[in-house]
Amino acid sequence: MTLPELLAEVYDLLDAGFVAPDVLDSCRSAIDEQLPHYAASDLSIDTLHHLAKAAVHLARRDPGWLNGTAGVLVSYCEAGIARLEGEPGMREQVRVSHLHGYAAELAVMEAQRTQADSWLGRSVQHAERARSTAEQHAPQWLGHATHILGTTLLAEACIKERLPAAERAVEVFSTSIDLMPIEPTMLANEYSLLGSSHFRVYHLSGDSAALHEATIANRRAVMWSWDAHPGHAAEAARYLATCGMILRDECEDPMGTALAIEGNSYAALLLASTDRGAAERHLHHIERDAKAHYDASLRARDADLSFLHEYHAVAGAVIDQIAQPRDAAYLALRLGAFCRGIAERRGSQRWGRRALQSYDTFLDYCRGLGWDLHKDLTLLQHYDDASAVRRELRNWVDPFTGH
């Protein structure tokens, strides 16, 4: 199969939304092997369009693939644009907008490889032309063209650490959100990029207000992707937690702890069923921050247990989602010890009952393991210790009274 034939086939599959990995591998190999034998003038406009789309798609999947070839592909896009410039047809002008968009993305890849200002300038120029052409001839593509402009500006802000580029990226992504279809994954991606742009403004200017804006954008990214793409939602939640920690530690902002705990809570809940280890690490961050906040509030003579309550609620929800009984048992044991510690510090029967409930949950999981419990000597020892602690708690806690 010739390169133009294969590219046409892959283009149709990309439009349909699915391309098998072996077809993508064949396309990548064909571009590597056959493209050097074709000048841009040898290829039809259709093939240049197919080539640009396939190359961008393949490079997103494997960023290292176009090492040194992205710049060549930009020139192929530019050759196609030159042949279409001035053509009156709507279809031709839509192609111009698409080719400018692909050229912008490919130029960014080359800029990331070379760190060259010339490629960054070229990428922004193509993105600007993609958007302006879409405004006139392809309004249905305007949101995506605006997104491409935002990514080129964000790349410039990151590669060259330029504050004006970061500030303009914020403006552009704020616009692209309104232009995108109401599709959860797309909107979540735009909000994530908006958050990254705000964060870059903070990094380059030190303006904590930008960091607050980043937390708002990342929270929206979490909400939009929670059901559609939990992995992306967890990533946005981690960024939210990071922004909170920076606000607390670097900006001494009193909102920082709450934002860090919020982000870690979302991440723990999102990862509980797929990555127990990561979920536990996020729970550990919440526990640490909640205890530190409580201790600080005691020193200020104004005991604030709100984050302790939040940790208890999130940990309980994570335990309910963990698939492996042994893993859930260990986490319930840890939650029981946490609640018992608070109960002893405060003389609180409420926290004592929470501890009792968590130890009961641990013991129930252990009993559910049956004979497997006796094969795990460490867990068996915990079972015996927890049984003794439970008896002490049961004698102390009156389930009908307390506070």
Protein backbone atom coordinates (compact mmCIF):
# COMPACT_ATOMS: atom_id res chain seq x y z
CA MET A 1 0.00 0.00 0.00
CA THR A 2 1.35 3.41 -0.97
CA LEU A 3 1.73 6.17 1.62
CA PRO A 4 -1.21 8.22 0.24
CA GLU A 5 -3.48 5.12 0.30
CA LEU A 6 -2.53 4.22 3.86
CA LEU A 7 -2.94 7.81 5.05
CA ALA A 8 -6.42 8.00 3.49
CA GLU A 9 -7.42 4.80 5.29
CA VAL A 10 -6.06 6.03 8.65
CA TYR A 11 -7.72 9.42 8.18
CA ASP A 12 -11.13 7.77 7.78
CA LEU A 13 -10.52 5.63 10.88
CA LEU A 14 -9.45 8.67 12.91
CA ASP A 15 -12.66 10.42 11.87
CA ALA A 16 -14.62 7.39 13.02
CA GLY A 17 -12.91 7.60 16.40
CA PHE A 18 -10.97 4.32 16.50
CA VAL A 19 -7.73 3.11 14.97
CA ALA A 20 -6.31 -0.30 15.85
CA PRO A 21 -2.75 -0.21 17.27
CA ASP A 22 -1.38 -2.34 14.41
CA VAL A 23 -2.75 0.14 11.85
CA LEU A 24 -1.12 3.02 13.73
CA ASP A 25 2.17 1.11 13.79
CA SER A 26 1.93 0.55 10.02
CA CYS A 27 1.19 4.24 9.47
CA ARG A 28 4.15 5.31 11.60
CA SER A 29 6.49 2.95 9.71
CA ALA A 30 5.16 4.10 6.35
CA ILE A 31 5.75 7.76 7.16
CA ASP A 32 9.27 6.98 8.39
CA GLU A 33 10.15 4.90 5.32
CA GLN A 34 8.22 6.49 2.45
CA LEU A 35 7.90 10.21 3.26
CA PRO A 36 11.57 11.02 2.36
CA HIS A 37 10.73 9.89 -1.20
CA TYR A 38 7.91 12.45 -1.58
CA ALA A 39 8.28 16.18 -2.04
CA ALA A 40 5.32 18.24 -0.84
CA SER A 41 4.52 19.01 -4.50
CA ASP A 42 4.17 15.25 -5.17
CA LEU A 43 1.26 14.96 -2.73
CA SER A 44 -2.31 16.05 -3.27
CA ILE A 45 -4.03 18.45 -0.89
CA ASP A 46 -6.03 15.51 0.45
CA THR A 47 -2.86 13.56 1.19
CA LEU A 48 -1.14 16.55 2.83
CA HIS A 49 -4.19 16.98 5.04
CA HIS A 50 -4.25 13.26 5.89
CA LEU A 51 -0.50 13.30 6.58
CA ALA A 52 -0.73 16.25 8.97
CA LYS A 53 -3.63 14.79 10.93
CA ALA A 54 -2.06 11.35 11.21
CA ALA A 55 1.33 12.76 12.25
CA VAL A 56 -0.17 14.93 15.00
CA HIS A 57 -2.25 12.00 16.29
CA LEU A 58 0.73 9.64 16.30
CA ALA A 59 3.00 12.21 17.96
CA ARG A 60 0.48 12.77 20.77
CA ARG A 61 0.61 9.05 21.49
CA ASP A 62 4.41 8.84 21.19
CA PRO A 63 6.04 12.28 21.72
CA GLY A 64 9.52 10.97 20.91
CA TRP A 65 8.55 9.60 17.51
CA LEU A 66 8.91 12.84 15.52
CA ASN A 67 12.42 13.55 16.76
CA GLY A 68 13.63 16.00 14.13
CA THR A 69 10.79 15.26 11.67
CA ALA A 70 8.16 17.66 13.06
CA GLY A 71 9.85 20.60 11.39
CA VAL A 72 9.78 18.84 8.02
CA LEU A 73 6.08 18.13 8.44
CA VAL A 74 5.42 21.81 9.21
CA SER A 75 6.86 22.65 5.79
CA TYR A 76 4.50 20.09 4.16
CA CYS A 77 1.55 21.80 5.93
CA GLU A 78 2.78 25.19 4.74
CA ALA A 79 3.04 23.92 1.18
CA GLY A 80 -0.58 22.79 1.34
CA ILE A 81 -1.66 26.15 2.80
CA ALA A 82 0.15 28.03 0.01
CA ARG A 83 -1.68 26.00 -2.63
CA LEU A 84 -5.06 26.70 -1.03
CA GLU A 85 -4.60 30.39 -0.19
CA GLY A 86 -7.04 32.54 -2.12
CA GLU A 87 -9.27 29.60 -3.09
CA PRO A 88 -12.88 30.76 -2.75
CA GLY A 89 -14.48 27.49 -1.69
CA MET A 90 -15.64 26.93 1.90
CA ARG A 91 -14.18 23.41 1.92
CA GLU A 92 -10.79 24.74 0.87
CA GLN A 93 -10.76 27.41 3.59
CA VAL A 94 -11.72 24.84 6.24
CA ARG A 95 -8.71 22.84 5.06
CA VAL A 96 -6.54 25.95 5.42
CA SER A 97 -7.67 26.35 9.04
CA HIS A 98 -6.99 22.66 9.77
CA LEU A 99 -3.53 22.76 8.17
CA HIS A 100 -2.61 25.88 10.15
CA GLY A 101 -3.73 24.07 13.32
CA TYR A 102 -1.69 20.96 12.55
CA ALA A 103 1.31 23.10 11.63
CA ALA A 104 1.02 24.93 14.96
CA GLU A 105 0.98 21.66 16.93
CA LEU A 106 3.93 20.25 14.99
CA ALA A 107 5.90 23.49 15.39
CA VAL A 108 5.37 23.33 19.16
CA MET A 109 6.82 19.82 19.14
CA GLU A 110 9.87 21.09 17.28
CA ALA A 111 10.15 24.03 19.70
CA GLN A 112 10.10 21.64 22.65
CA ARG A 113 12.92 19.65 21.03
CA THR A 114 15.08 22.61 20.00
CA GLN A 115 14.05 25.29 22.55
CA ALA A 116 14.21 27.68 19.57
CA ASP A 117 12.35 30.98 19.57
CA SER A 118 11.83 30.71 15.83
CA TRP A 119 9.71 27.57 16.18
CA LEU A 120 7.70 29.07 19.02
CA GLY A 121 6.97 32.15 16.90
CA ARG A 122 6.01 29.97 13.96
CA SER A 123 3.68 27.88 16.11
CA VAL A 124 1.85 30.93 17.47
CA GLN A 125 1.55 32.41 13.97
CA HIS A 126 -0.03 29.25 12.62
CA ALA A 127 -2.35 28.98 15.61
CA GLU A 128 -3.49 32.58 15.14
CA ARG A 129 -4.19 31.90 11.46
CA ALA A 130 -6.04 28.68 12.31
CA ARG A 131 -8.32 30.59 14.65
CA SER A 132 -8.92 33.60 12.38
CA THR A 133 -9.71 31.34 9.40
CA ALA A 134 -12.04 29.24 11.53
CA GLU A 135 -13.87 32.39 12.68
CA GLN A 136 -14.62 33.24 9.04
CA HIS A 137 -15.14 29.84 7.47
CA ALA A 138 -15.38 27.03 10.04
CA PRO A 139 -17.15 28.17 13.22
CA GLN A 140 -17.72 24.54 14.21
CA TRP A 141 -13.92 24.20 14.51
CA LEU A 142 -13.37 27.52 16.30
CA GLY A 143 -13.24 25.99 19.79
CA HIS A 144 -10.54 23.53 18.78
CA ALA A 145 -8.56 26.19 16.90
CA THR A 146 -8.71 28.41 19.97
CA HIS A 147 -7.53 25.47 22.09
CA ILE A 148 -4.51 25.05 19.81
CA LEU A 149 -3.64 28.74 20.20
CA GLY A 150 -3.82 28.34 23.97
CA THR A 151 -1.49 25.35 23.94
CA THR A 152 1.08 27.19 21.81
CA LEU A 153 1.06 30.16 24.19
CA LEU A 154 1.31 27.89 27.23
CA ALA A 155 4.25 26.10 25.59
CA GLU A 156 5.98 29.46 25.07
CA ALA A 157 5.32 30.42 28.69
CA CYS A 158 6.82 27.13 29.89
CA ILE A 159 9.78 26.84 27.51
CA LYS A 160 10.90 30.47 27.66
CA GLU A 161 9.30 31.43 31.01
CA ARG A 162 7.47 34.41 29.52
CA LEU A 163 4.79 35.97 31.69
CA PRO A 164 2.92 37.73 28.82
CA ALA A 165 2.50 34.37 27.06
CA ALA A 166 1.12 32.81 30.25
CA GLU A 167 -1.29 35.70 30.78
CA ARG A 168 -2.50 35.47 27.20
CA ALA A 169 -2.90 31.68 27.54
CA VAL A 170 -5.25 32.34 30.47
CA GLU A 171 -7.35 34.66 28.27
CA VAL A 172 -7.43 32.19 25.38
CA PHE A 173 -8.40 29.13 27.45
CA SER A 174 -11.08 31.17 29.21
CA THR A 175 -12.53 31.76 25.72
CA SER A 176 -12.06 28.20 24.42
CA ILE A 177 -14.10 26.81 27.33
CA ASP A 178 -17.12 28.79 26.10
CA LEU A 179 -16.57 27.64 22.50
CA MET A 180 -16.16 23.92 23.15
CA PRO A 181 -19.09 21.49 22.87
CA ILE A 182 -20.57 20.56 26.25
CA GLU A 183 -18.64 17.29 26.38
CA PRO A 184 -17.16 16.33 29.77
CA THR A 185 -13.72 15.14 28.62
CA MET A 186 -13.15 18.18 26.38
CA LEU A 187 -14.24 20.66 29.03
CA ALA A 188 -12.18 18.93 31.71
CA ASN A 189 -9.12 19.19 29.47
CA GLU A 190 -9.71 22.91 28.86
CA TYR A 191 -10.13 23.60 32.58
CA SER A 192 -6.91 21.65 33.31
CA LEU A 193 -5.03 23.75 30.76
CA LEU A 194 -6.57 26.92 32.17
CA GLY A 195 -5.36 25.82 35.62
CA SER A 196 -1.87 25.17 34.25
CA SER A 197 -1.85 28.64 32.67
CA HIS A 198 -2.88 30.31 35.92
CA PHE A 199 -0.20 28.29 37.74
CA ARG A 200 2.40 29.45 35.23
CA VAL A 201 1.32 33.08 35.86
CA TYR A 202 1.88 32.48 39.59
CA HIS A 203 5.25 30.84 38.95
CA LEU A 204 6.44 33.78 36.84
CA SER A 205 4.88 36.64 38.82
CA GLY A 206 4.45 35.40 42.40
CA ASP A 207 0.81 36.58 42.35
CA SER A 208 -1.08 34.30 44.76
CA ALA A 209 -4.39 35.38 43.20
CA ALA A 210 -3.35 33.39 40.09
CA LEU A 211 -2.83 30.35 42.29
CA HIS A 212 -6.36 30.71 43.66
CA GLU A 213 -7.64 30.87 40.07
CA ALA A 214 -5.68 27.69 39.32
CA THR A 215 -7.46 25.88 42.15
CA ILE A 216 -10.86 26.95 40.81
CA ALA A 217 -10.00 25.71 37.30
CA ASN A 218 -8.64 22.39 38.59
CA ARG A 219 -11.70 21.84 40.77
CA ARG A 220 -13.89 22.27 37.67
CA ALA A 221 -11.64 19.86 35.77
CA VAL A 222 -12.20 17.30 38.53
CA MET A 223 -15.96 17.73 38.42
CA TRP A 224 -16.23 17.50 34.62
CA SER A 225 -14.07 14.38 34.35
CA TRP A 226 -15.18 12.56 37.53
CA ASP A 227 -17.47 10.11 35.72
CA ALA A 228 -16.15 10.44 32.18
CA HIS A 229 -12.45 9.91 32.94
CA PRO A 230 -11.57 9.23 36.61
CA GLY A 231 -7.85 9.07 35.80
CA HIS A 232 -7.85 12.63 34.45
CA ALA A 233 -9.99 13.72 37.40
CA ALA A 234 -7.45 12.28 39.84
CA GLU A 235 -4.64 14.13 38.06
CA ALA A 236 -6.56 17.42 38.30
CA ALA A 237 -7.23 16.67 41.98
CA ARG A 238 -3.50 16.24 42.57
CA TYR A 239 -2.86 19.64 41.00
CA LEU A 240 -5.55 21.13 43.23
CA ALA A 241 -3.83 19.64 46.28
CA THR A 242 -0.44 20.93 45.10
CA CYS A 243 -1.81 24.45 44.66
CA GLY A 244 -3.25 24.27 48.16
CA MET A 245 0.06 23.18 49.64
CA ILE A 246 1.90 26.01 47.87
CA LEU A 247 -0.66 28.53 49.09
CA ARG A 248 -0.17 27.27 52.63
CA ASP A 249 3.61 26.82 52.66
CA GLU A 250 4.85 29.58 50.34
CA CYS A 251 2.08 32.19 50.48
CA GLU A 252 1.01 31.57 54.11
CA ASP A 253 -2.58 31.68 52.89
CA PRO A 254 -5.07 30.33 55.46
CA MET A 255 -7.10 28.74 52.64
CA GLY A 256 -4.18 26.56 51.63
CA THR A 257 -4.80 23.67 54.03
CA ALA A 258 -8.48 23.40 53.09
CA LEU A 259 -7.62 23.33 49.37
CA ALA A 260 -4.86 20.75 49.86
CA ILE A 261 -7.22 18.51 51.82
CA GLU A 262 -9.96 18.97 49.23
CA GLY A 263 -7.66 17.92 46.39
CA ASN A 264 -6.26 14.94 48.28
CA SER A 265 -9.80 13.88 49.24
CA TYR A 266 -10.94 13.87 45.61
CA ALA A 267 -7.82 11.98 44.53
CA ALA A 268 -8.18 9.33 47.27
CA LEU A 269 -11.82 8.70 46.36
CA LEU A 270 -11.11 8.56 42.62
CA LEU A 271 -8.18 6.14 42.99
CA ALA A 272 -9.59 3.88 45.73
CA SER A 273 -10.87 1.17 43.38
CA THR A 274 -7.95 1.23 40.90
CA ASP A 275 -4.78 2.22 42.79
CA ARG A 276 -5.00 1.48 46.50
CA GLY A 277 -1.41 2.52 47.18
CA ALA A 278 -1.94 5.98 45.66
CA ALA A 279 -5.26 6.38 47.47
CA GLU A 280 -3.56 5.57 50.77
CA ARG A 281 -0.82 8.11 50.11
CA HIS A 282 -3.45 10.79 49.58
CA LEU A 283 -5.19 9.72 52.78
CA HIS A 284 -1.89 10.00 54.61
CA HIS A 285 -1.55 13.61 53.39
CA ILE A 286 -5.07 14.40 54.63
CA GLU A 287 -4.41 12.79 58.01
CA ARG A 288 -1.15 14.70 58.42
CA ASP A 289 -2.68 18.04 57.45
CA ALA A 290 -5.79 17.48 59.56
CA LYS A 291 -3.75 16.68 62.66
CA ALA A 292 -1.43 19.65 62.09
CA HIS A 293 -4.41 21.99 61.69
CA TYR A 294 -6.05 20.60 64.83
CA ASP A 295 -2.85 21.00 66.86
CA ALA A 296 -2.47 24.59 65.62
CA SER A 297 -6.06 25.37 66.52
CA LEU A 298 -5.49 24.03 70.05
CA ARG A 299 -2.54 26.36 70.44
CA ALA A 300 -4.84 29.20 69.39
CA ARG A 301 -7.37 28.02 72.04
CA ASP A 302 -10.00 27.42 69.37
CA ALA A 303 -10.20 23.66 68.76
CA ASP A 304 -11.16 23.01 65.12
CA LEU A 305 -12.00 19.37 64.37
CA SER A 306 -13.48 19.99 60.90
CA PHE A 307 -10.59 18.42 58.97
CA LEU A 308 -10.45 15.46 61.36
CA HIS A 309 -14.11 14.81 60.55
CA GLU A 310 -13.33 15.10 56.85
CA TYR A 311 -10.50 12.59 57.10
CA HIS A 312 -12.79 10.15 58.90
CA ALA A 313 -15.47 10.49 56.20
CA VAL A 314 -13.08 10.17 53.25
CA ALA A 315 -11.18 7.23 54.74
CA GLY A 316 -14.46 5.40 55.38
CA ALA A 317 -15.58 5.97 51.78
CA VAL A 318 -12.22 4.75 50.45
CA ILE A 319 -12.44 1.58 52.56
CA ASP A 320 -15.86 0.83 51.05
CA GLN A 321 -14.41 1.03 47.52
CA ILE A 322 -11.28 -1.10 47.99
CA ALA A 323 -11.66 -4.42 46.21
CA GLN A 324 -9.27 -6.61 48.22
CA PRO A 325 -10.57 -7.50 51.72
CA ARG A 326 -7.05 -7.69 53.20
CA ASP A 327 -6.21 -4.18 51.96
CA ALA A 328 -9.52 -2.81 53.23
CA ALA A 329 -8.92 -4.50 56.59
CA TYR A 330 -5.56 -2.81 57.10
CA LEU A 331 -7.00 0.58 56.21
CA ALA A 332 -9.93 0.07 58.62
CA LEU A 333 -7.42 -0.83 61.34
CA ARG A 334 -5.50 2.37 60.67
CA LEU A 335 -8.71 4.42 60.77
CA GLY A 336 -9.63 2.78 64.07
CA ALA A 337 -6.29 3.74 65.57
CA PHE A 338 -6.75 7.31 64.32
CA CYS A 339 -10.22 7.62 65.88
CA ARG A 340 -9.02 6.00 69.11
CA GLY A 341 -6.20 8.55 69.34
CA ILE A 342 -8.63 11.46 68.98
CA ALA A 343 -11.01 9.86 71.48
CA GLU A 344 -8.25 9.53 74.07
CA ARG A 345 -6.99 13.10 73.52
CA ARG A 346 -10.44 14.62 73.85
CA GLY A 347 -12.13 12.11 76.15
CA SER A 348 -14.78 11.93 73.43
CA GLN A 349 -17.27 9.09 73.31
CA ARG A 350 -18.24 10.16 69.80
CA TRP A 351 -14.74 9.46 68.54
CA GLY A 352 -14.66 6.36 70.74
CA ARG A 353 -17.73 5.02 68.94
CA ARG A 354 -16.12 5.82 65.60
CA ALA A 355 -13.03 3.89 66.68
CA LEU A 356 -15.22 0.99 67.78
CA GLN A 357 -16.99 0.99 64.43
CA SER A 358 -13.69 0.93 62.52
CA TYR A 359 -12.30 -1.90 64.64
CA ASP A 360 -15.53 -3.84 64.07
CA THR A 361 -15.10 -3.27 60.33
CA PHE A 362 -11.52 -4.55 60.54
CA LEU A 363 -12.59 -7.66 62.44
CA ASP A 364 -15.43 -8.32 59.98
CA TYR A 365 -13.02 -8.19 57.04
CA CYS A 366 -10.67 -10.55 58.86
CA ARG A 367 -13.44 -13.04 59.59
CA GLY A 368 -14.44 -12.86 55.93
CA LEU A 369 -10.97 -14.05 54.97
CA GLY A 370 -11.64 -17.37 56.69
CA TRP A 371 -8.67 -19.68 56.76
CA ASP A 372 -6.61 -17.16 54.76
CA LEU A 373 -6.42 -15.12 57.95
CA HIS A 374 -4.36 -17.85 59.61
CA LYS A 375 -1.87 -17.84 56.73
CA ASP A 376 -1.00 -14.19 57.44
CA LEU A 377 0.67 -14.12 60.83
CA THR A 378 0.97 -10.33 60.86
CA LEU A 379 -2.73 -9.87 60.15
CA LEU A 380 -3.59 -12.56 62.71
CA GLN A 381 -1.61 -10.68 65.37
CA HIS A 382 -3.44 -7.48 64.44
CA TYR A 383 -6.71 -9.40 64.73
CA ASP A 384 -5.87 -10.48 68.30
CA ASP A 385 -4.69 -6.98 69.27
CA ALA A 386 -7.76 -5.35 67.71
CA SER A 387 -10.06 -7.75 69.55
CA ALA A 388 -8.51 -6.67 72.85
CA VAL A 389 -8.73 -2.96 71.95
CA ARG A 390 -12.34 -3.46 70.94
CA ARG A 391 -13.21 -4.93 74.33
CA GLU A 392 -11.62 -1.93 76.07
CA LEU A 393 -13.52 0.50 73.85
CA ARG A 394 -16.77 -1.39 74.34
CA ASN A 395 -16.42 -1.13 78.10
CA TRP A 396 -15.68 2.59 77.86
CA VAL A 397 -18.16 3.77 75.24
CA ASP A 398 -21.82 3.98 76.18
CA PRO A 399 -23.60 3.82 72.83
CA PHE A 400 -26.70 5.59 74.15
CA THR A 401 -25.06 8.75 75.50
CA GLY A 402 -21.97 10.79 74.84
CA HIS A 403 -21.01 13.72 72.66
